[in-house]
Amino acid sequence: MQEFTISIDGMHCMACVRRVKAALEKTPGVVDAVVEVGRARGQVEGASVDDVVTAVTGAGYHAKPE
């Protein structure tokens, strides 16, 4: 199973974290997702990097693999 970290731009508060985490958890293949506002990143286990970036972008934020 693939595990990776993504940088997430645009998060400012815990509501942003909840929105990104919810989008990631709805992404097919995601087994686990941890999102940190202070570090502006997320750790994801499961889905492909492209699917995760698409999910975060769809939630209104910018993401890229680290």
C-alpha atoms as a PDB file:
ATOM      1  CA  MET A   1       0.000   0.000   0.000  1.00  0.00           C
ATOM      2  CA  GLN A   2       1.288   3.438  -0.961  1.00  0.00           C
ATOM      3  CA  GLU A   3       1.909   6.122   1.673  1.00  0.00           C
ATOM      4  CA  PHE A   4       2.961   9.685   0.834  1.00  0.00           C
ATOM      5  CA  THR A   5       2.935  13.303   2.010  1.00  0.00           C
ATOM      6  CA  ILE A   6       1.391  16.251   0.196  1.00  0.00           C
ATOM      7  CA  SER A   7       1.794  19.999   0.733  1.00  0.00           C
ATOM      8  CA  ILE A   8      -1.538  21.801   1.032  1.00  0.00           C
ATOM      9  CA  ASP A   9      -1.785  25.557   0.457  1.00  0.00           C
ATOM     10  CA  GLY A  10      -4.717  27.661   1.606  1.00  0.00           C
ATOM     11  CA  MET A  11      -5.583  26.032   4.933  1.00  0.00           C
ATOM     12  CA  HIS A  12      -5.942  28.550   7.759  1.00  0.00           C
ATOM     13  CA  CYS A  13      -7.971  26.879  10.502  1.00  0.00           C
ATOM     14  CA  MET A  14      -9.399  23.637  11.835  1.00  0.00           C
ATOM     15  CA  ALA A  15     -12.464  24.007   9.593  1.00  0.00           C
ATOM     16  CA  CYS A  16     -10.083  23.854   6.622  1.00  0.00           C
ATOM     17  CA  VAL A  17      -8.492  20.724   8.057  1.00  0.00           C
ATOM     18  CA  ARG A  18     -11.903  19.078   8.459  1.00  0.00           C
ATOM     19  CA  ARG A  19     -12.867  19.979   4.880  1.00  0.00           C
ATOM     20  CA  VAL A  20      -9.631  18.561   3.425  1.00  0.00           C
ATOM     21  CA  LYS A  21      -9.782  15.438   5.598  1.00  0.00           C
ATOM     22  CA  ALA A  22     -13.401  14.800   4.564  1.00  0.00           C
ATOM     23  CA  ALA A  23     -12.472  15.166   0.885  1.00  0.00           C
ATOM     24  CA  LEU A  24      -9.582  12.741   1.314  1.00  0.00           C
ATOM     25  CA  GLU A  25     -11.700  10.202   3.184  1.00  0.00           C
ATOM     26  CA  LYS A  26     -14.227  10.225   0.306  1.00  0.00           C
ATOM     27  CA  THR A  27     -11.470   9.460  -2.203  1.00  0.00           C
ATOM     28  CA  PRO A  28     -11.600   5.824  -3.357  1.00  0.00           C
ATOM     29  CA  GLY A  29      -8.624   3.880  -2.083  1.00  0.00           C
ATOM     30  CA  VAL A  30      -7.725   6.164   0.835  1.00  0.00           C
ATOM     31  CA  VAL A  31      -7.206   4.026   3.928  1.00  0.00           C
ATOM     32  CA  ASP A  32      -5.986   6.787   6.265  1.00  0.00           C
ATOM     33  CA  ALA A  33      -5.446  10.543   6.064  1.00  0.00           C
ATOM     34  CA  VAL A  34      -3.830  12.896   8.573  1.00  0.00           C
ATOM     35  CA  VAL A  35      -4.037  16.637   7.867  1.00  0.00           C
ATOM     36  CA  GLU A  36      -2.024  19.277   9.766  1.00  0.00           C
ATOM     37  CA  VAL A  37      -2.838  22.968   9.450  1.00  0.00           C
ATOM     38  CA  GLY A  38       0.372  24.164  11.144  1.00  0.00           C
ATOM     39  CA  ARG A  39       2.604  22.284   8.757  1.00  0.00           C
ATOM     40  CA  ALA A  40       0.233  22.749   5.789  1.00  0.00           C
ATOM     41  CA  ARG A  41       0.496  19.123   4.801  1.00  0.00           C
ATOM     42  CA  GLY A  42      -1.253  15.811   4.766  1.00  0.00           C
ATOM     43  CA  GLN A  43      -0.123  12.220   5.024  1.00  0.00           C
ATOM     44  CA  VAL A  44      -2.175   9.796   3.011  1.00  0.00           C
ATOM     45  CA  GLU A  45      -2.200   6.034   2.810  1.00  0.00           C
ATOM     46  CA  GLY A  46      -3.876   4.247  -0.041  1.00  0.00           C
ATOM     47  CA  ALA A  47      -5.033   6.128  -3.141  1.00  0.00           C
ATOM     48  CA  SER A  48      -2.854   7.455  -5.938  1.00  0.00           C
ATOM     49  CA  VAL A  49      -1.141  10.827  -5.631  1.00  0.00           C
ATOM     50  CA  ASP A  50      -3.135  12.178  -8.585  1.00  0.00           C
ATOM     51  CA  ASP A  51      -6.465  11.190  -6.993  1.00  0.00           C
ATOM     52  CA  VAL A  52      -5.485  12.825  -3.703  1.00  0.00           C
ATOM     53  CA  VAL A  53      -4.357  16.067  -5.375  1.00  0.00           C
ATOM     54  CA  THR A  54      -7.636  16.130  -7.326  1.00  0.00           C
ATOM     55  CA  ALA A  55      -9.653  15.640  -4.112  1.00  0.00           C
ATOM     56  CA  VAL A  56      -7.839  18.453  -2.286  1.00  0.00           C
ATOM     57  CA  THR A  57      -8.193  20.757  -5.288  1.00  0.00           C
ATOM     58  CA  GLY A  58     -11.896  19.936  -5.443  1.00  0.00           C
ATOM     59  CA  ALA A  59     -12.213  20.990  -1.801  1.00  0.00           C
ATOM     60  CA  GLY A  60     -10.832  24.420  -2.727  1.00  0.00           C
ATOM     61  CA  TYR A  61      -7.150  24.109  -1.808  1.00  0.00           C
ATOM     62  CA  HIS A  62      -3.896  23.607  -3.703  1.00  0.00           C
ATOM     63  CA  ALA A  63      -1.889  20.415  -3.224  1.00  0.00           C
ATOM     64  CA  LYS A  64       1.304  18.893  -4.529  1.00  0.00           C
ATOM     65  CA  PRO A  65       3.370  15.864  -3.542  1.00  0.00           C
ATOM     66  CA  GLU A  66       6.361  16.508  -1.273  1.00  0.00           C
END
